[in-house]
N, C-alpha and C. Protein backbone atom coordinates (compact mmCIF):
# COMPACT_ATOMS: atom_id res chain seq x y z
N MET A 1 26.70 5.73 -19.05
CA MET A 1 27.61 6.88 -18.55
C MET A 1 29.09 6.42 -18.62
N ALA A 2 29.96 7.00 -19.24
CA ALA A 2 31.33 6.59 -19.32
C ALA A 2 32.14 7.37 -18.14
N ILE A 3 33.10 6.65 -17.58
CA ILE A 3 33.94 7.13 -16.57
C ILE A 3 34.98 7.97 -17.06
N LYS A 4 35.08 9.29 -16.79
CA LYS A 4 36.22 10.12 -17.27
C LYS A 4 37.42 9.86 -16.30
N THR A 5 38.60 9.62 -16.91
CA THR A 5 39.75 9.30 -16.35
C THR A 5 40.91 10.46 -16.67
N MET A 6 41.76 10.78 -15.83
CA MET A 6 42.81 11.64 -16.06
C MET A 6 44.10 11.03 -15.53
N LEU A 7 45.19 11.39 -16.25
CA LEU A 7 46.51 11.08 -15.73
C LEU A 7 46.75 11.93 -14.64
N VAL A 8 47.59 11.48 -13.69
CA VAL A 8 47.99 12.27 -12.51
C VAL A 8 48.82 13.54 -12.98
N SER A 9 49.63 13.19 -13.96
CA SER A 9 50.54 14.21 -14.49
C SER A 9 49.73 15.48 -15.07
N ASP A 10 48.44 15.16 -15.47
CA ASP A 10 47.69 16.22 -16.09
C ASP A 10 47.22 17.22 -15.01
N VAL A 11 47.32 16.78 -13.77
CA VAL A 11 46.89 17.68 -12.71
C VAL A 11 48.06 18.62 -12.18
N TYR A 12 49.17 18.26 -12.46
CA TYR A 12 50.39 19.13 -12.06
C TYR A 12 50.27 20.47 -12.84
N GLY A 13 50.45 21.49 -11.94
CA GLY A 13 50.39 22.90 -12.47
C GLY A 13 48.95 23.49 -12.32
N ALA A 14 47.94 22.67 -12.11
CA ALA A 14 46.53 23.06 -12.03
C ALA A 14 46.46 24.05 -10.77
N GLU A 15 45.63 25.13 -10.89
CA GLU A 15 45.39 26.05 -9.81
C GLU A 15 44.36 25.30 -8.91
N VAL A 16 44.52 25.60 -7.55
CA VAL A 16 43.73 24.99 -6.50
C VAL A 16 42.84 26.17 -5.94
N PHE A 17 41.62 25.93 -5.84
CA PHE A 17 40.62 26.85 -5.19
C PHE A 17 39.85 26.01 -4.08
N THR A 18 39.39 26.91 -3.12
CA THR A 18 38.53 26.33 -2.11
C THR A 18 37.04 26.30 -2.70
N ASP A 19 36.18 25.53 -1.88
CA ASP A 19 34.89 25.42 -2.28
C ASP A 19 34.10 26.87 -2.06
N SER A 20 34.81 27.80 -1.32
CA SER A 20 34.33 29.09 -1.17
C SER A 20 34.91 30.10 -2.15
N GLY A 21 35.77 29.65 -3.06
CA GLY A 21 36.17 30.50 -4.09
C GLY A 21 37.57 31.16 -3.84
N ASP A 22 38.28 30.82 -2.78
CA ASP A 22 39.64 31.39 -2.46
C ASP A 22 40.68 30.66 -3.28
N PHE A 23 41.54 31.42 -3.96
CA PHE A 23 42.68 30.84 -4.56
C PHE A 23 43.63 30.30 -3.51
N PHE A 24 44.07 29.02 -3.61
CA PHE A 24 44.70 28.32 -2.50
C PHE A 24 46.21 28.13 -2.90
N GLY A 25 46.49 27.87 -4.13
CA GLY A 25 47.78 27.59 -4.65
C GLY A 25 47.82 26.83 -5.91
N VAL A 26 48.90 26.05 -6.34
CA VAL A 26 49.18 25.35 -7.42
C VAL A 26 49.67 23.92 -7.04
N VAL A 27 48.94 22.90 -7.76
CA VAL A 27 49.42 21.59 -7.60
C VAL A 27 50.86 21.30 -8.21
N LYS A 28 51.73 20.81 -7.17
CA LYS A 28 53.11 20.61 -7.56
C LYS A 28 53.22 18.99 -7.87
N GLU A 29 52.65 18.18 -6.97
CA GLU A 29 53.00 16.70 -7.20
C GLU A 29 51.97 16.00 -6.35
N ALA A 30 51.89 14.74 -6.73
CA ALA A 30 50.83 13.84 -6.09
C ALA A 30 51.45 13.03 -4.95
N VAL A 31 50.94 12.82 -3.95
CA VAL A 31 51.50 11.82 -2.94
C VAL A 31 50.70 10.46 -3.16
N LEU A 32 51.54 9.50 -3.34
CA LEU A 32 50.98 8.11 -3.74
C LEU A 32 51.10 7.31 -2.63
N GLY A 33 50.03 6.47 -2.44
CA GLY A 33 49.93 5.28 -1.63
C GLY A 33 49.95 4.02 -2.32
N THR A 34 49.53 2.89 -1.84
CA THR A 34 49.44 1.78 -2.59
C THR A 34 48.29 1.89 -3.49
N ASN A 35 48.65 2.02 -4.79
CA ASN A 35 47.61 1.98 -5.90
C ASN A 35 46.62 3.20 -5.85
N LYS A 36 46.85 4.13 -5.11
CA LYS A 36 46.03 5.33 -5.25
C LYS A 36 46.82 6.67 -4.71
N VAL A 37 46.09 7.78 -5.08
CA VAL A 37 46.56 9.09 -4.64
C VAL A 37 46.15 9.37 -3.21
N THR A 38 46.99 9.56 -2.25
CA THR A 38 46.55 9.90 -0.86
C THR A 38 46.54 11.27 -0.46
N GLY A 39 47.27 12.17 -1.35
CA GLY A 39 47.27 13.60 -1.03
C GLY A 39 47.95 14.32 -2.20
N TRP A 40 47.96 15.62 -2.10
CA TRP A 40 48.42 16.59 -3.10
C TRP A 40 49.30 17.65 -2.40
N ARG A 41 50.50 17.81 -2.99
CA ARG A 41 51.48 18.83 -2.58
C ARG A 41 51.01 20.08 -3.30
N ILE A 42 50.68 21.12 -2.51
CA ILE A 42 50.34 22.47 -3.02
C ILE A 42 51.37 23.52 -2.81
N GLU A 43 51.66 24.13 -3.93
CA GLU A 43 52.84 25.13 -3.69
C GLU A 43 52.10 26.47 -3.31
N ALA A 44 52.62 27.17 -2.43
CA ALA A 44 52.20 28.56 -2.09
C ALA A 44 52.82 29.54 -3.07
N VAL A 45 51.93 30.07 -4.10
CA VAL A 45 52.48 30.96 -5.11
C VAL A 45 52.01 32.35 -4.76
N LYS A 46 52.69 33.28 -5.28
CA LYS A 46 52.32 34.76 -4.96
C LYS A 46 50.89 35.11 -5.23
N GLY A 47 50.27 35.71 -4.25
CA GLY A 47 48.85 36.09 -4.33
C GLY A 47 47.88 34.96 -3.87
N SER A 48 48.42 33.75 -3.42
CA SER A 48 47.53 32.82 -2.97
C SER A 48 47.35 32.91 -1.51
N TYR A 49 46.26 32.33 -1.09
CA TYR A 49 45.92 32.26 0.45
C TYR A 49 47.13 31.72 1.23
N LEU A 50 47.61 30.53 0.64
CA LEU A 50 48.79 29.91 1.24
C LEU A 50 50.02 30.88 1.48
N SER A 51 50.30 31.69 0.58
CA SER A 51 51.42 32.49 0.63
C SER A 51 51.25 33.52 1.73
N LYS A 52 50.04 33.90 2.00
CA LYS A 52 49.57 34.77 3.05
C LYS A 52 49.82 34.26 4.51
N VAL A 53 49.36 32.90 4.62
CA VAL A 53 49.36 32.21 5.86
C VAL A 53 50.69 31.64 6.07
N LEU A 54 51.48 31.03 5.13
CA LEU A 54 52.77 30.40 5.33
C LEU A 54 53.96 31.24 5.37
N GLY A 55 53.83 32.43 4.73
CA GLY A 55 55.03 33.34 4.77
C GLY A 55 56.17 32.63 3.96
N GLY A 56 57.17 32.11 4.53
CA GLY A 56 58.38 31.60 3.93
C GLY A 56 58.28 30.18 3.52
N ALA A 57 57.37 29.45 3.92
CA ALA A 57 57.10 28.01 3.57
C ALA A 57 56.79 27.83 2.24
N LYS A 58 57.18 26.75 1.64
CA LYS A 58 57.02 26.50 0.08
C LYS A 58 55.36 25.89 -0.17
N GLY A 59 54.88 25.36 0.79
CA GLY A 59 53.41 24.76 0.48
C GLY A 59 52.99 23.72 1.60
N VAL A 60 51.98 23.03 1.31
CA VAL A 60 51.35 22.04 2.19
C VAL A 60 50.96 20.92 1.43
N ILE A 61 50.67 19.77 2.17
CA ILE A 61 50.10 18.54 1.69
C ILE A 61 48.64 18.52 2.02
N VAL A 62 47.74 18.41 1.02
CA VAL A 62 46.30 18.42 1.22
C VAL A 62 45.97 16.97 1.06
N PRO A 63 45.26 16.26 2.11
CA PRO A 63 44.82 14.97 1.93
C PRO A 63 43.69 14.88 0.87
N HIS A 64 43.89 13.79 0.01
CA HIS A 64 42.89 13.53 -1.10
C HIS A 64 41.47 13.57 -0.62
N SER A 65 41.22 13.23 0.56
CA SER A 65 39.77 13.22 0.99
C SER A 65 39.26 14.63 1.09
N LEU A 66 40.06 15.66 1.12
CA LEU A 66 39.67 17.01 1.21
C LEU A 66 39.38 17.57 -0.29
N VAL A 67 39.76 16.91 -1.42
CA VAL A 67 39.55 17.27 -2.78
C VAL A 67 38.07 16.93 -3.16
N LYS A 68 37.37 17.99 -3.55
CA LYS A 68 35.96 17.82 -3.87
C LYS A 68 35.88 17.46 -5.45
N ASN A 69 36.74 18.16 -6.30
CA ASN A 69 36.63 17.97 -7.77
C ASN A 69 37.99 18.24 -8.34
N ILE A 70 38.29 17.57 -9.49
CA ILE A 70 39.55 17.71 -10.24
C ILE A 70 39.10 17.95 -11.70
N GLY A 71 39.37 19.00 -12.27
CA GLY A 71 39.00 19.23 -13.84
C GLY A 71 39.97 20.12 -14.20
N ASP A 72 39.57 21.35 -14.84
CA ASP A 72 40.45 22.40 -15.27
C ASP A 72 41.24 23.02 -14.10
N VAL A 73 40.60 23.09 -12.93
CA VAL A 73 41.15 23.50 -11.72
C VAL A 73 40.79 22.51 -10.78
N VAL A 74 41.35 22.47 -9.46
CA VAL A 74 41.04 21.54 -8.38
C VAL A 74 40.31 22.32 -7.43
N ILE A 75 39.33 21.73 -6.80
CA ILE A 75 38.44 22.37 -5.77
C ILE A 75 38.69 21.51 -4.49
N ILE A 76 38.95 22.26 -3.40
CA ILE A 76 39.31 21.64 -2.13
C ILE A 76 38.33 22.14 -1.13
N SER A 77 37.93 21.28 -0.03
CA SER A 77 37.24 21.61 0.95
C SER A 77 37.78 22.86 1.80
N LYS A 78 37.08 23.75 2.32
CA LYS A 78 37.50 24.90 2.98
C LYS A 78 38.12 24.33 4.25
N ALA A 79 37.69 23.19 4.81
CA ALA A 79 38.37 22.58 5.99
C ALA A 79 39.99 22.40 5.82
N ALA A 80 40.44 22.46 4.64
CA ALA A 80 41.84 22.36 4.44
C ALA A 80 42.69 23.62 4.74
N LEU A 81 41.92 24.83 4.88
CA LEU A 81 42.38 26.14 5.03
C LEU A 81 42.92 26.27 6.54
N PRO A 82 44.21 26.60 6.75
CA PRO A 82 44.56 26.98 8.09
C PRO A 82 44.04 28.44 8.25
N SER A 83 43.47 28.82 9.49
CA SER A 83 43.07 30.11 9.54
C SER A 83 44.07 31.00 10.18
N TYR A 84 44.20 32.29 9.89
CA TYR A 84 45.13 33.11 10.56
C TYR A 84 44.51 34.54 10.83
N GLU A 85 45.19 35.21 11.66
CA GLU A 85 44.67 36.49 11.96
C GLU A 85 45.84 37.52 12.13
N GLU A 86 45.81 38.72 11.98
CA GLU A 86 46.75 39.68 12.08
C GLU A 86 47.00 39.96 13.56
N SER A 87 48.15 39.73 14.07
CA SER A 87 48.39 39.99 15.63
C SER A 87 48.70 41.55 15.64
N PRO A 88 48.47 42.05 16.96
CA PRO A 88 48.85 43.63 17.11
C PRO A 88 50.26 44.04 16.81
N ALA A 89 51.12 43.12 16.70
CA ALA A 89 52.53 43.48 16.26
C ALA A 89 52.66 43.38 14.78
N GLY A 90 51.55 43.13 14.14
CA GLY A 90 51.68 42.90 12.65
C GLY A 90 52.14 41.68 11.99
N ARG A 91 52.16 40.61 12.87
CA ARG A 91 52.72 39.40 12.52
C ARG A 91 51.54 38.40 12.27
N ASN A 92 51.66 37.58 11.29
CA ASN A 92 50.63 36.66 11.10
C ASN A 92 50.67 35.62 12.17
N VAL A 93 49.65 35.26 12.77
CA VAL A 93 49.49 34.23 13.77
C VAL A 93 48.54 33.02 13.24
N GLU A 94 49.13 31.98 13.05
CA GLU A 94 48.50 30.76 12.40
C GLU A 94 47.65 29.91 13.43
N LYS A 95 46.51 29.72 13.16
CA LYS A 95 45.73 28.80 13.97
C LYS A 95 45.17 27.75 13.02
N LEU A 96 45.52 26.48 13.22
CA LEU A 96 45.02 25.43 12.52
C LEU A 96 43.81 24.86 12.94
N GLU A 97 42.70 24.82 12.03
CA GLU A 97 41.46 24.22 12.32
C GLU A 97 41.53 22.79 12.29
N SER A 98 41.00 22.16 13.25
CA SER A 98 40.99 20.71 13.30
C SER A 98 39.87 20.06 12.38
N ASP A 99 40.04 18.83 11.82
CA ASP A 99 39.11 18.31 11.10
C ASP A 99 39.17 16.83 11.46
N GLU A 100 37.90 16.44 11.79
CA GLU A 100 37.75 14.97 12.23
C GLU A 100 38.14 14.01 11.06
N ASN A 101 37.97 14.44 9.77
CA ASN A 101 38.22 13.40 8.78
C ASN A 101 39.59 13.26 8.34
N MET A 102 40.42 13.92 8.92
CA MET A 102 41.98 13.90 8.58
C MET A 102 42.58 12.71 9.15
């Protein structure tokens, strides 16, 4: 069995989805450590879960440990999702879920 490799630049612009099927955003760049990718900067684009949660912010950095698969699209763990709910005043209230793996 041959190992399939990709260039990091091939991942730029890829759509990001959660393992539960939610559109999360688009990959803008990789965060590099010593000889490896440590995270991915995901842009909050119109219609994405991130744009609903973050409002005016441009995006988030998702640790590479939460990436489940990279191919035509990037699949991340739902643990990367900040939860939010609509407040009585109609404003989004963000609640970050903690993850022991972070």
